[in-house]
Full PDB file with SEQRES, HELIX, SHEET, SSBOND, CRYST1, ORIGX, SCALE, CONECT and MASTER records, all heavy atoms in Angstrom:
SEQRES   1 A   42  ALA LEU HIS THR PRO LEU ARG SER PRO GLY SER GLY LYS          
SEQRES   2 A   42  GLY VAL THR GLU ALA HIS ALA LYS VAL SER ALA LEU ALA          
SEQRES   3 A   42  GLU ALA LEU GLU ARG TYR SER GLY TYR PHE GLN GLY ASP          
SEQRES   4 A   42  GLU PRO ARG                                                  
HELIX    1 AA1 GLU A   17  SER A   33  1                                  17    
CRYST1    1.000    1.000    1.000  90.00  90.00  90.00 P 1           1          
ORIGX1      1.000000  0.000000  0.000000        0.00000                         
ORIGX2      0.000000  1.000000  0.000000        0.00000                         
ORIGX3      0.000000  0.000000  1.000000        0.00000                         
SCALE1      1.000000  0.000000  0.000000        0.00000                         
SCALE2      0.000000  1.000000  0.000000        0.00000                         
SCALE3      0.000000  0.000000  1.000000        0.00000                         
ATOM      1  N   ALA A   1      96.390  97.050  84.221  1.00  0.00           N  
ATOM      2  CA  ALA A   1      95.402  95.971  84.191  1.00  0.00           C  
ATOM      3  C   ALA A   1      94.435  96.117  85.356  1.00  0.00           C  
ATOM      4  O   ALA A   1      94.788  96.632  86.419  1.00  0.00           O  
ATOM      5  CB  ALA A   1      96.116  94.621  84.253  1.00  0.00           C  
ATOM      6  N   LEU A   2      93.210  95.651  85.161  1.00  0.00           N  
ATOM      7  CA  LEU A   2      92.172  95.860  86.160  1.00  0.00           C  
ATOM      8  C   LEU A   2      92.464  95.151  87.475  1.00  0.00           C  
ATOM      9  O   LEU A   2      91.972  95.559  88.522  1.00  0.00           O  
ATOM     10  CB  LEU A   2      90.824  95.392  85.613  1.00  0.00           C  
ATOM     11  CG  LEU A   2      90.237  96.237  84.476  1.00  0.00           C  
ATOM     12  CD1 LEU A   2      88.936  95.631  83.999  1.00  0.00           C  
ATOM     13  CD2 LEU A   2      90.014  97.673  84.943  1.00  0.00           C  
ATOM     14  N   HIS A   3      93.271  94.073  87.430  1.00  0.00           N  
ATOM     15  CA  HIS A   3      93.522  93.338  88.673  1.00  0.00           C  
ATOM     16  C   HIS A   3      94.664  93.947  89.484  1.00  0.00           C  
ATOM     17  O   HIS A   3      94.930  93.499  90.598  1.00  0.00           O  
ATOM     18  CB  HIS A   3      93.846  91.874  88.364  1.00  0.00           C  
ATOM     19  CG  HIS A   3      95.140  91.692  87.624  1.00  0.00           C  
ATOM     20  ND1 HIS A   3      95.218  91.748  86.248  1.00  0.00           N  
ATOM     21  CD2 HIS A   3      96.413  91.475  88.061  1.00  0.00           C  
ATOM     22  CE1 HIS A   3      96.478  91.554  85.864  1.00  0.00           C  
ATOM     23  NE2 HIS A   3      97.218  91.395  86.932  1.00  0.00           N  
ATOM     24  N   THR A   4      95.343  94.955  88.947  1.00  0.00           N  
ATOM     25  CA  THR A   4      96.445  95.565  89.686  1.00  0.00           C  
ATOM     26  C   THR A   4      95.909  96.631  90.628  1.00  0.00           C  
ATOM     27  O   THR A   4      94.881  97.245  90.362  1.00  0.00           O  
ATOM     28  CB  THR A   4      97.460  96.227  88.726  1.00  0.00           C  
ATOM     29  OG1 THR A   4      96.784  97.225  87.966  1.00  0.00           O  
ATOM     30  CG2 THR A   4      98.055  95.205  87.790  1.00  0.00           C  
ATOM     31  N   PRO A   5      96.603  96.865  91.755  1.00  0.00           N  
ATOM     32  CA  PRO A   5      96.148  97.928  92.657  1.00  0.00           C  
ATOM     33  C   PRO A   5      96.333  99.287  91.999  1.00  0.00           C  
ATOM     34  O   PRO A   5      97.423  99.634  91.551  1.00  0.00           O  
ATOM     35  CB  PRO A   5      97.054  97.765  93.881  1.00  0.00           C  
ATOM     36  CG  PRO A   5      98.240  97.019  93.397  1.00  0.00           C  
ATOM     37  CD  PRO A   5      97.773  96.152  92.270  1.00  0.00           C  
ATOM     38  N   LEU A   6      95.238 100.058  91.928  1.00  0.00           N  
ATOM     39  CA  LEU A   6      95.278 101.327  91.204  1.00  0.00           C  
ATOM     40  C   LEU A   6      95.641 102.494  92.094  1.00  0.00           C  
ATOM     41  O   LEU A   6      96.000 103.551  91.596  1.00  0.00           O  
ATOM     42  CB  LEU A   6      93.913 101.594  90.555  1.00  0.00           C  
ATOM     43  CG  LEU A   6      93.432 100.557  89.541  1.00  0.00           C  
ATOM     44  CD1 LEU A   6      92.076 100.972  88.984  1.00  0.00           C  
ATOM     45  CD2 LEU A   6      94.431 100.395  88.414  1.00  0.00           C  
ATOM     46  N   ARG A   7      95.520 102.329  93.379  1.00  0.00           N  
ATOM     47  CA  ARG A   7      95.681 103.479  94.262  1.00  0.00           C  
ATOM     48  C   ARG A   7      96.957 103.378  95.080  1.00  0.00           C  
ATOM     49  O   ARG A   7      97.334 102.313  95.550  1.00  0.00           O  
ATOM     50  CB  ARG A   7      94.466 103.626  95.179  1.00  0.00           C  
ATOM     51  CG  ARG A   7      93.176 103.861  94.399  1.00  0.00           C  
ATOM     52  CD  ARG A   7      92.012 104.161  95.315  1.00  0.00           C  
ATOM     53  NE  ARG A   7      90.763 104.200  94.567  1.00  0.00           N  
ATOM     54  CZ  ARG A   7      90.300 105.258  93.946  1.00  0.00           C  
ATOM     55  NH1 ARG A   7      90.972 106.379  93.960  1.00  0.00           N  
ATOM     56  NH2 ARG A   7      89.159 105.227  93.300  1.00  0.00           N  
ATOM     57  N   SER A   8      97.614 104.498  95.227  1.00  0.00           N  
ATOM     58  CA  SER A   8      98.840 104.583  96.013  1.00  0.00           C  
ATOM     59  C   SER A   8      98.473 105.039  97.419  1.00  0.00           C  
ATOM     60  O   SER A   8      97.908 106.114  97.590  1.00  0.00           O  
ATOM     61  CB  SER A   8      99.803 105.585  95.365  1.00  0.00           C  
ATOM     62  OG  SER A   8     100.948 105.765  96.156  1.00  0.00           O  
ATOM     63  N   PRO A   9      98.774 104.239  98.453  1.00  0.00           N  
ATOM     64  CA  PRO A   9      98.270 104.576  99.783  1.00  0.00           C  
ATOM     65  C   PRO A   9      99.026 105.733 100.426  1.00  0.00           C  
ATOM     66  O   PRO A   9     100.242 105.855 100.316  1.00  0.00           O  
ATOM     67  CB  PRO A   9      98.480 103.280 100.575  1.00  0.00           C  
ATOM     68  CG  PRO A   9      99.631 102.609  99.888  1.00  0.00           C  
ATOM     69  CD  PRO A   9      99.516 102.970  98.441  1.00  0.00           C  
ATOM     70  N   GLY A  10      98.272 106.595 101.099  1.00  0.00           N  
ATOM     71  CA  GLY A  10      98.842 107.622 101.956  1.00  0.00           C  
ATOM     72  C   GLY A  10      98.419 107.326 103.379  1.00  0.00           C  
ATOM     73  O   GLY A  10      97.360 106.746 103.608  1.00  0.00           O  
ATOM     74  N   SER A  11      99.233 107.693 104.332  1.00  0.00           N  
ATOM     75  CA  SER A  11      98.926 107.415 105.734  1.00  0.00           C  
ATOM     76  C   SER A  11      98.807 108.713 106.506  1.00  0.00           C  
ATOM     77  O   SER A  11      99.472 109.702 106.182  1.00  0.00           O  
ATOM     78  CB  SER A  11     100.009 106.533 106.361  1.00  0.00           C  
ATOM     79  OG  SER A  11     100.036 105.262 105.737  1.00  0.00           O  
ATOM     80  N   GLY A  12      97.970 108.691 107.528  1.00  0.00           N  
ATOM     81  CA  GLY A  12      97.767 109.877 108.347  1.00  0.00           C  
ATOM     82  C   GLY A  12      97.944 109.577 109.812  1.00  0.00           C  
ATOM     83  O   GLY A  12      97.802 108.437 110.256  1.00  0.00           O  
ATOM     84  N   LYS A  13      98.268 110.611 110.563  1.00  0.00           N  
ATOM     85  CA  LYS A  13      98.493 110.479 112.002  1.00  0.00           C  
ATOM     86  C   LYS A  13      97.811 111.643 112.693  1.00  0.00           C  
ATOM     87  O   LYS A  13      97.511 112.665 112.076  1.00  0.00           O  
ATOM     88  CB  LYS A  13      99.996 110.508 112.299  1.00  0.00           C  
ATOM     89  CG  LYS A  13     100.703 111.785 111.814  1.00  0.00           C  
ATOM     90  CD  LYS A  13     102.193 111.710 112.037  1.00  0.00           C  
ATOM     91  CE  LYS A  13     102.893 113.003 111.630  1.00  0.00           C  
ATOM     92  NZ  LYS A  13     102.851 113.233 110.183  1.00  0.00           N  
ATOM     93  N   GLY A  14      97.564 111.492 113.997  1.00  0.00           N  
ATOM     94  CA  GLY A  14      96.952 112.595 114.715  1.00  0.00           C  
ATOM     95  C   GLY A  14      96.608 112.222 116.134  1.00  0.00           C  
ATOM     96  O   GLY A  14      96.550 111.034 116.491  1.00  0.00           O  
ATOM     97  N   VAL A  15      96.375 113.228 116.946  1.00  0.00           N  
ATOM     98  CA  VAL A  15      96.031 112.990 118.349  1.00  0.00           C  
ATOM     99  C   VAL A  15      94.562 112.604 118.490  1.00  0.00           C  
ATOM    100  O   VAL A  15      94.158 112.054 119.511  1.00  0.00           O  
ATOM    101  CB  VAL A  15      96.339 114.225 119.212  1.00  0.00           C  
ATOM    102  CG1 VAL A  15      97.822 114.527 119.196  1.00  0.00           C  
ATOM    103  CG2 VAL A  15      95.558 115.437 118.729  1.00  0.00           C  
ATOM    104  N   THR A  16      93.744 112.897 117.477  1.00  0.00           N  
ATOM    105  CA  THR A  16      92.346 112.494 117.477  1.00  0.00           C  
ATOM    106  C   THR A  16      92.050 111.786 116.165  1.00  0.00           C  
ATOM    107  O   THR A  16      92.805 111.887 115.189  1.00  0.00           O  
ATOM    108  CB  THR A  16      91.399 113.698 117.611  1.00  0.00           C  
ATOM    109  OG1 THR A  16      91.491 114.506 116.413  1.00  0.00           O  
ATOM    110  CG2 THR A  16      91.755 114.546 118.827  1.00  0.00           C  
ATOM    111  N   GLU A  17      90.929 111.093 116.134  1.00  0.00           N  
ATOM    112  CA  GLU A  17      90.532 110.398 114.915  1.00  0.00           C  
ATOM    113  C   GLU A  17      90.329 111.384 113.763  1.00  0.00           C  
ATOM    114  O   GLU A  17      90.731 111.124 112.625  1.00  0.00           O  
ATOM    115  CB  GLU A  17      89.247 109.606 115.178  1.00  0.00           C  
ATOM    116  CG  GLU A  17      88.728 108.849 113.980  1.00  0.00           C  
ATOM    117  CD  GLU A  17      87.513 108.012 114.312  1.00  0.00           C  
ATOM    118  OE1 GLU A  17      87.546 107.301 115.336  1.00  0.00           O  
ATOM    119  OE2 GLU A  17      86.525 108.069 113.547  1.00  0.00           O  
ATOM    120  N   ALA A  18      89.704 112.527 114.046  1.00  0.00           N  
ATOM    121  CA  ALA A  18      89.446 113.513 112.991  1.00  0.00           C  
ATOM    122  C   ALA A  18      90.753 114.055 112.416  1.00  0.00           C  
ATOM    123  O   ALA A  18      90.891 114.197 111.196  1.00  0.00           O  
ATOM    124  CB  ALA A  18      88.595 114.651 113.541  1.00  0.00           C  
ATOM    125  N   HIS A  19      91.710 114.385 113.278  1.00  0.00           N  
ATOM    126  CA  HIS A  19      92.993 114.883 112.784  1.00  0.00           C  
ATOM    127  C   HIS A  19      93.708 113.821 111.943  1.00  0.00           C  
ATOM    128  O   HIS A  19      94.338 114.148 110.928  1.00  0.00           O  
ATOM    129  CB  HIS A  19      93.888 115.303 113.957  1.00  0.00           C  
ATOM    130  CG  HIS A  19      93.512 116.612 114.572  1.00  0.00           C  
ATOM    131  ND1 HIS A  19      92.849 116.693 115.777  1.00  0.00           N  
ATOM    132  CD2 HIS A  19      93.692 117.894 114.156  1.00  0.00           C  
ATOM    133  CE1 HIS A  19      92.651 117.970 116.084  1.00  0.00           C  
ATOM    134  NE2 HIS A  19      93.146 118.717 115.112  1.00  0.00           N  
ATOM    135  N   ALA A  20      93.633 112.560 112.356  1.00  0.00           N  
ATOM    136  CA  ALA A  20      94.307 111.503 111.609  1.00  0.00           C  
ATOM    137  C   ALA A  20      93.653 111.277 110.250  1.00  0.00           C  
ATOM    138  O   ALA A  20      94.340 111.032 109.248  1.00  0.00           O  
ATOM    139  CB  ALA A  20      94.309 110.217 112.425  1.00  0.00           C  
ATOM    140  N   LYS A  21      92.328 111.361 110.186  1.00  0.00           N  
ATOM    141  CA  LYS A  21      91.644 111.215 108.899  1.00  0.00           C  
ATOM    142  C   LYS A  21      92.045 112.324 107.936  1.00  0.00           C  
ATOM    143  O   LYS A  21      92.334 112.078 106.753  1.00  0.00           O  
ATOM    144  CB  LYS A  21      90.131 111.233 109.107  1.00  0.00           C  
ATOM    145  CG  LYS A  21      89.552 109.955 109.696  1.00  0.00           C  
ATOM    146  CD  LYS A  21      88.039 110.069 109.814  1.00  0.00           C  
ATOM    147  CE  LYS A  21      87.425 108.781 110.327  1.00  0.00           C  
ATOM    148  NZ  LYS A  21      85.948 108.896 110.461  1.00  0.00           N  
ATOM    149  N   VAL A  22      92.068 113.560 108.436  1.00  0.00           N  
ATOM    150  CA  VAL A  22      92.461 114.688 107.591  1.00  0.00           C  
ATOM    151  C   VAL A  22      93.916 114.536 107.148  1.00  0.00           C  
ATOM    152  O   VAL A  22      94.264 114.835 106.001  1.00  0.00           O  
ATOM    153  CB  VAL A  22      92.240 116.014 108.340  1.00  0.00           C  
ATOM    154  CG1 VAL A  22      92.920 117.164 107.612  1.00  0.00           C  
ATOM    155  CG2 VAL A  22      90.760 116.302 108.476  1.00  0.00           C  
ATOM    156  N   SER A  23      94.769 114.074 108.040  1.00  0.00           N  
ATOM    157  CA  SER A  23      96.173 113.872 107.698  1.00  0.00           C  
ATOM    158  C   SER A  23      96.324 112.856 106.574  1.00  0.00           C  
ATOM    159  O   SER A  23      97.112 113.049 105.637  1.00  0.00           O  
ATOM    160  CB  SER A  23      96.935 113.409 108.939  1.00  0.00           C  
ATOM    161  OG  SER A  23      98.277 113.105 108.634  1.00  0.00           O  
ATOM    162  N   ALA A  24      95.563 111.758 106.637  1.00  0.00           N  
ATOM    163  CA  ALA A  24      95.620 110.746 105.575  1.00  0.00           C  
ATOM    164  C   ALA A  24      95.105 111.300 104.256  1.00  0.00           C  
ATOM    165  O   ALA A  24      95.699 111.083 103.189  1.00  0.00           O  
ATOM    166  CB  ALA A  24      94.812 109.514 105.988  1.00  0.00           C  
ATOM    167  N   LEU A  25      93.985 112.035 104.306  1.00  0.00           N  
ATOM    168  CA  LEU A  25      93.432 112.636 103.090  1.00  0.00           C  
ATOM    169  C   LEU A  25      94.417 113.621 102.483  1.00  0.00           C  
ATOM    170  O   LEU A  25      94.649 113.626 101.263  1.00  0.00           O  
ATOM    171  CB  LEU A  25      92.118 113.343 103.424  1.00  0.00           C  
ATOM    172  CG  LEU A  25      91.463 114.148 102.290  1.00  0.00           C  
ATOM    173  CD1 LEU A  25      91.114 113.253 101.125  1.00  0.00           C  
ATOM    174  CD2 LEU A  25      90.225 114.885 102.809  1.00  0.00           C  
ATOM    175  N   ALA A  26      95.026 114.468 103.327  1.00  0.00           N  
ATOM    176  CA  ALA A  26      95.962 115.472 102.822  1.00  0.00           C  
ATOM    177  C   ALA A  26      97.180 114.819 102.183  1.00  0.00           C  
ATOM    178  O   ALA A  26      97.667 115.266 101.136  1.00  0.00           O  
ATOM    179  CB  ALA A  26      96.396 116.403 103.956  1.00  0.00           C  
ATOM    180  N   GLU A  27      97.686 113.730 102.789  1.00  0.00           N  
ATOM    181  CA  GLU A  27      98.851 113.078 102.198  1.00  0.00           C  
ATOM    182  C   GLU A  27      98.505 112.437 100.863  1.00  0.00           C  
ATOM    183  O   GLU A  27      99.295 112.473  99.913  1.00  0.00           O  
ATOM    184  CB  GLU A  27      99.426 112.025 103.144  1.00  0.00           C  
ATOM    185  CG  GLU A  27     100.661 111.349 102.578  1.00  0.00           C  
ATOM    186  CD  GLU A  27     101.429 110.547 103.602  1.00  0.00           C  
ATOM    187  OE1 GLU A  27     101.881 111.134 104.605  1.00  0.00           O  
ATOM    188  OE2 GLU A  27     101.591 109.326 103.400  1.00  0.00           O  
ATOM    189  N   ALA A  28      97.310 111.856 100.765  1.00  0.00           N  
ATOM    190  CA  ALA A  28      96.908 111.258  99.492  1.00  0.00           C  
ATOM    191  C   ALA A  28      96.769 112.325  98.401  1.00  0.00           C  
ATOM    192  O   ALA A  28      97.209 112.130  97.263  1.00  0.00           O  
ATOM    193  CB  ALA A  28      95.592 110.505  99.672  1.00  0.00           C  
ATOM    194  N   LEU A  29      96.164 113.465  98.744  1.00  0.00           N  
ATOM    195  CA  LEU A  29      96.019 114.537  97.759  1.00  0.00           C  
ATOM    196  C   LEU A  29      97.367 115.163  97.416  1.00  0.00           C  
ATOM    197  O   LEU A  29      97.607 115.563  96.269  1.00  0.00           O  
ATOM    198  CB  LEU A  29      95.052 115.595  98.287  1.00  0.00           C  
ATOM    199  CG  LEU A  29      93.605 115.128  98.484  1.00  0.00           C  
ATOM    200  CD1 LEU A  29      92.759 116.243  99.084  1.00  0.00           C  
ATOM    201  CD2 LEU A  29      93.010 114.648  97.166  1.00  0.00           C  
ATOM    202  N   GLU A  30      98.237 115.274  98.418  1.00  0.00           N  
ATOM    203  CA  GLU A  30      99.594 115.772  98.161  1.00  0.00           C  
ATOM    204  C   GLU A  30     100.303 114.870  97.160  1.00  0.00           C  
ATOM    205  O   GLU A  30     100.949 115.335  96.216  1.00  0.00           O  
ATOM    206  CB  GLU A  30     100.371 115.818  99.471  1.00  0.00           C  
ATOM    207  CG  GLU A  30     101.864 116.069  99.320  1.00  0.00           C  
ATOM    208  CD  GLU A  30     102.652 115.620 100.538  1.00  0.00           C  
ATOM    209  OE1 GLU A  30     102.240 115.928 101.666  1.00  0.00           O  
ATOM    210  OE2 GLU A  30     103.678 114.946 100.355  1.00  0.00           O  
ATOM    211  N   ARG A  31     100.174 113.561  97.353  1.00  0.00           N  
ATOM    212  CA  ARG A  31     100.845 112.618  96.451  1.00  0.00           C  
ATOM    213  C   ARG A  31     100.256 112.708  95.048  1.00  0.00           C  
ATOM    214  O   ARG A  31     100.991 112.698  94.055  1.00  0.00           O  
ATOM    215  CB  ARG A  31     100.705 111.201  97.013  1.00  0.00           C  
ATOM    216  CG  ARG A  31     101.485 110.158  96.246  1.00  0.00           C  
ATOM    217  CD  ARG A  31     101.573 108.864  97.023  1.00  0.00           C  
ATOM    218  NE  ARG A  31     102.225 109.067  98.312  1.00  0.00           N  
ATOM    219  CZ  ARG A  31     102.483 108.084  99.168  1.00  0.00           C  
ATOM    220  NH1 ARG A  31     102.138 106.846  98.878  1.00  0.00           N  
ATOM    221  NH2 ARG A  31     103.078 108.331 100.309  1.00  0.00           N  
ATOM    222  N   TYR A  32      98.935 112.793  94.962  1.00  0.00           N  
ATOM    223  CA  TYR A  32      98.302 112.923  93.647  1.00  0.00           C  
ATOM    224  C   TYR A  32      98.795 114.178  92.937  1.00  0.00           C  
ATOM    225  O   TYR A  32      99.093 114.162  91.739  1.00  0.00           O  
ATOM    226  CB  TYR A  32      96.788 112.971  93.802  1.00  0.00           C  
ATOM    227  CG  TYR A  32      96.053 113.176  92.497  1.00  0.00           C  
ATOM    228  CD1 TYR A  32      95.681 112.093  91.712  1.00  0.00           C  
ATOM    229  CD2 TYR A  32      95.763 114.460  92.031  1.00  0.00           C  
ATOM    230  CE1 TYR A  32      95.025 112.283  90.501  1.00  0.00           C  
ATOM    231  CE2 TYR A  32      95.111 114.658  90.822  1.00  0.00           C  
ATOM    232  CZ  TYR A  32      94.743 113.561  90.064  1.00  0.00           C  
ATOM    233  OH  TYR A  32      94.110 113.755  88.863  1.00  0.00           O  
ATOM    234  N   SER A  33      98.875 115.280  93.673  1.00  0.00           N  
ATOM    235  CA  SER A  33      99.266 116.556  93.068  1.00  0.00           C  
ATOM    236  C   SER A  33     100.713 116.545  92.595  1.00  0.00           C  
ATOM    237  O   SER A  33     101.096 117.380  91.769  1.00  0.00           O  
ATOM    238  CB  SER A  33      99.066 117.690  94.079  1.00  0.00           C  
ATOM    239  OG  SER A  33      97.718 117.770  94.492  1.00  0.00           O  
ATOM    240  N   GLY A  34     101.511 115.629  93.095  1.00  0.00           N  
ATOM    241  CA  GLY A  34     102.916 115.581  92.715  1.00  0.00           C  
ATOM    242  C   GLY A  34     103.183 114.877  91.404  1.00  0.00           C  
ATOM    243  O   GLY A  34     104.315 114.924  90.894  1.00  0.00           O  
ATOM    244  N   TYR A  35     102.162 114.230  90.829  1.00  0.00           N  
ATOM    245  CA  TYR A  35     102.374 113.499  89.585  1.00  0.00           C  
ATOM    246  C   TYR A  35     102.318 114.433  88.383  1.00  0.00           C  
ATOM    247  O   TYR A  35     101.487 115.343  88.316  1.00  0.00           O  
ATOM    248  CB  TYR A  35     101.327 112.402  89.415  1.00  0.00           C  
ATOM    249  CG  TYR A  35     101.657 111.126  90.153  1.00  0.00           C  
ATOM    250  CD1 TYR A  35     101.230 110.940  91.461  1.00  0.00           C  
ATOM    251  CD2 TYR A  35     102.403 110.121  89.552  1.00  0.00           C  
ATOM    252  CE1 TYR A  35     101.532 109.765  92.148  1.00  0.00           C  
ATOM    253  CE2 TYR A  35     102.706 108.960  90.226  1.00  0.00           C  
ATOM    254  CZ  TYR A  35     102.276 108.781  91.522  1.00  0.00           C  
ATOM    255  OH  TYR A  35     102.583 107.636  92.197  1.00  0.00           O  
ATOM    256  N   PHE A  36     103.208 114.194  87.429  1.00  0.00           N  
ATOM    257  CA  PHE A  36     103.201 114.929  86.171  1.00  0.00           C  
ATOM    258  C   PHE A  36     101.956 114.545  85.382  1.00  0.00           C  
ATOM    259  O   PHE A  36     101.650 113.359  85.229  1.00  0.00           O  
ATOM    260  CB  PHE A  36     104.458 114.594  85.373  1.00  0.00           C  
ATOM    261  CG  PHE A  36     104.552 115.292  84.044  1.00  0.00           C  
ATOM    262  CD1 PHE A  36     105.046 116.583  83.967  1.00  0.00           C  
ATOM    263  CD2 PHE A  36     104.148 114.657  82.882  1.00  0.00           C  
ATOM    264  CE1 PHE A  36     105.122 117.232  82.743  1.00  0.00           C  
ATOM    265  CE2 PHE A  36     104.228 115.292  81.659  1.00  0.00           C  
ATOM    266  CZ  PHE A  36     104.717 116.584  81.589  1.00  0.00           C  
ATOM    267  N   GLN A  37     101.228 115.567  84.856  1.00  0.00           N  
ATOM    268  CA  GLN A  37      99.993 115.305  84.134  1.00  0.00           C  
ATOM    269  C   GLN A  37     100.004 115.830  82.700  1.00  0.00           C  
ATOM    270  O   GLN A  37      99.089 115.535  81.936  1.00  0.00           O  
ATOM    271  CB  GLN A  37      98.807 115.895  84.908  1.00  0.00           C  
ATOM    272  CG  GLN A  37      98.705 115.325  86.313  1.00  0.00           C  
ATOM    273  CD  GLN A  37      97.366 115.607  86.965  1.00  0.00           C  
ATOM    274  OE1 GLN A  37      96.329 115.579  86.308  1.00  0.00           O  
ATOM    275  NE2 GLN A  37      97.381 115.854  88.264  1.00  0.00           N  
ATOM    276  N   GLY A  38     101.012 116.634  82.338  1.00  0.00           N  
ATOM    277  CA  GLY A  38     101.147 117.036  80.949  1.00  0.00           C  
ATOM    278  C   GLY A  38     100.799 118.478  80.652  1.00  0.00           C  
ATOM    279  O   GLY A  38     101.169 119.005  79.586  1.00  0.00           O  
ATOM    280  N   ASP A  39     100.061 119.154  81.569  1.00  0.00           N  
ATOM    281  CA  ASP A  39      99.713 120.545  81.306  1.00  0.00           C  
ATOM    282  C   ASP A  39     100.578 121.512  82.115  1.00  0.00           C  
ATOM    283  O   ASP A  39     100.278 122.712  82.174  1.00  0.00           O  
ATOM    284  CB  ASP A  39      98.232 120.804  81.578  1.00  0.00           C  
ATOM    285  CG  ASP A  39      97.786 120.358  82.965  1.00  0.00           C  
ATOM    286  OD1 ASP A  39      98.633 119.843  83.720  1.00  0.00           O  
ATOM    287  OD2 ASP A  39      96.592 120.509  83.284  1.00  0.00           O  
ATOM    288  N   GLU A  40     101.637 121.010  82.709  1.00  0.00           N  
ATOM    289  CA  GLU A  40     102.561 121.869  83.447  1.00  0.00           C  
ATOM    290  C   GLU A  40     103.404 122.683  82.457  1.00  0.00           C  
ATOM    291  O   GLU A  40     103.787 122.181  81.392  1.00  0.00           O  
ATOM    292  CB  GLU A  40     103.489 121.033  84.337  1.00  0.00           C  
ATOM    293  CG  GLU A  40     102.792 120.224  85.418  1.00  0.00           C  
ATOM    294  CD  GLU A  40     102.213 118.917  84.928  1.00  0.00           C  
ATOM    295  OE1 GLU A  40     102.349 118.625  83.725  1.00  0.00           O  
ATOM    296  OE2 GLU A  40     101.624 118.190  85.742  1.00  0.00           O  
ATOM    297  N   PRO A  41     103.720 123.937  82.770  1.00  0.00           N  
ATOM    298  CA  PRO A  41     104.557 124.734  81.870  1.00  0.00           C  
ATOM    299  C   PRO A  41     105.982 124.185  81.840  1.00  0.00           C  
ATOM    300  O   PRO A  41     106.548 123.838  82.877  1.00  0.00           O  
ATOM    301  CB  PRO A  41     104.510 126.134  82.486  1.00  0.00           C  
ATOM    302  CG  PRO A  41     104.192 125.916  83.927  1.00  0.00           C  
ATOM    303  CD  PRO A  41     103.304 124.698  83.967  1.00  0.00           C  
ATOM    304  N   ARG A  42     106.539 124.098  80.629  1.00  0.00           N  
ATOM    305  CA  ARG A  42     107.899 123.574  80.474  1.00  0.00           C  
ATOM    306  C   ARG A  42     108.659 124.387  79.435  1.00  0.00           C  
ATOM    307  O   ARG A  42     108.092 124.857  78.457  1.00  0.00           O  
ATOM    308  CB  ARG A  42     107.859 122.105  80.040  1.00  0.00           C  
ATOM    309  CG  ARG A  42     107.400 121.143  81.116  1.00  0.00           C  
ATOM    310  CD  ARG A  42     107.331 119.721  80.580  1.00  0.00           C  
ATOM    311  NE  ARG A  42     106.185 119.538  79.697  1.00  0.00           N  
ATOM    312  CZ  ARG A  42     106.054 118.526  78.837  1.00  0.00           C  
ATOM    313  NH1 ARG A  42     107.030 117.647  78.708  1.00  0.00           N  
ATOM    314  NH2 ARG A  42     104.980 118.418  78.087  1.00  0.00           N  
TER     315      ARG A  42                                                      
MASTER        0    0    0    1    0    0    0    6  314    1    0    4          
END                                                                             
């Protein structure tokens, strides 16, 4: 439903702001890539 939260949050850490932003982005993409999508070989 449109009122439900659609995004699964990922968190990032780092010694600088830039490293922490990249860490958060990488964790979010890692989580997305872990979902079954149907075109995986089985």
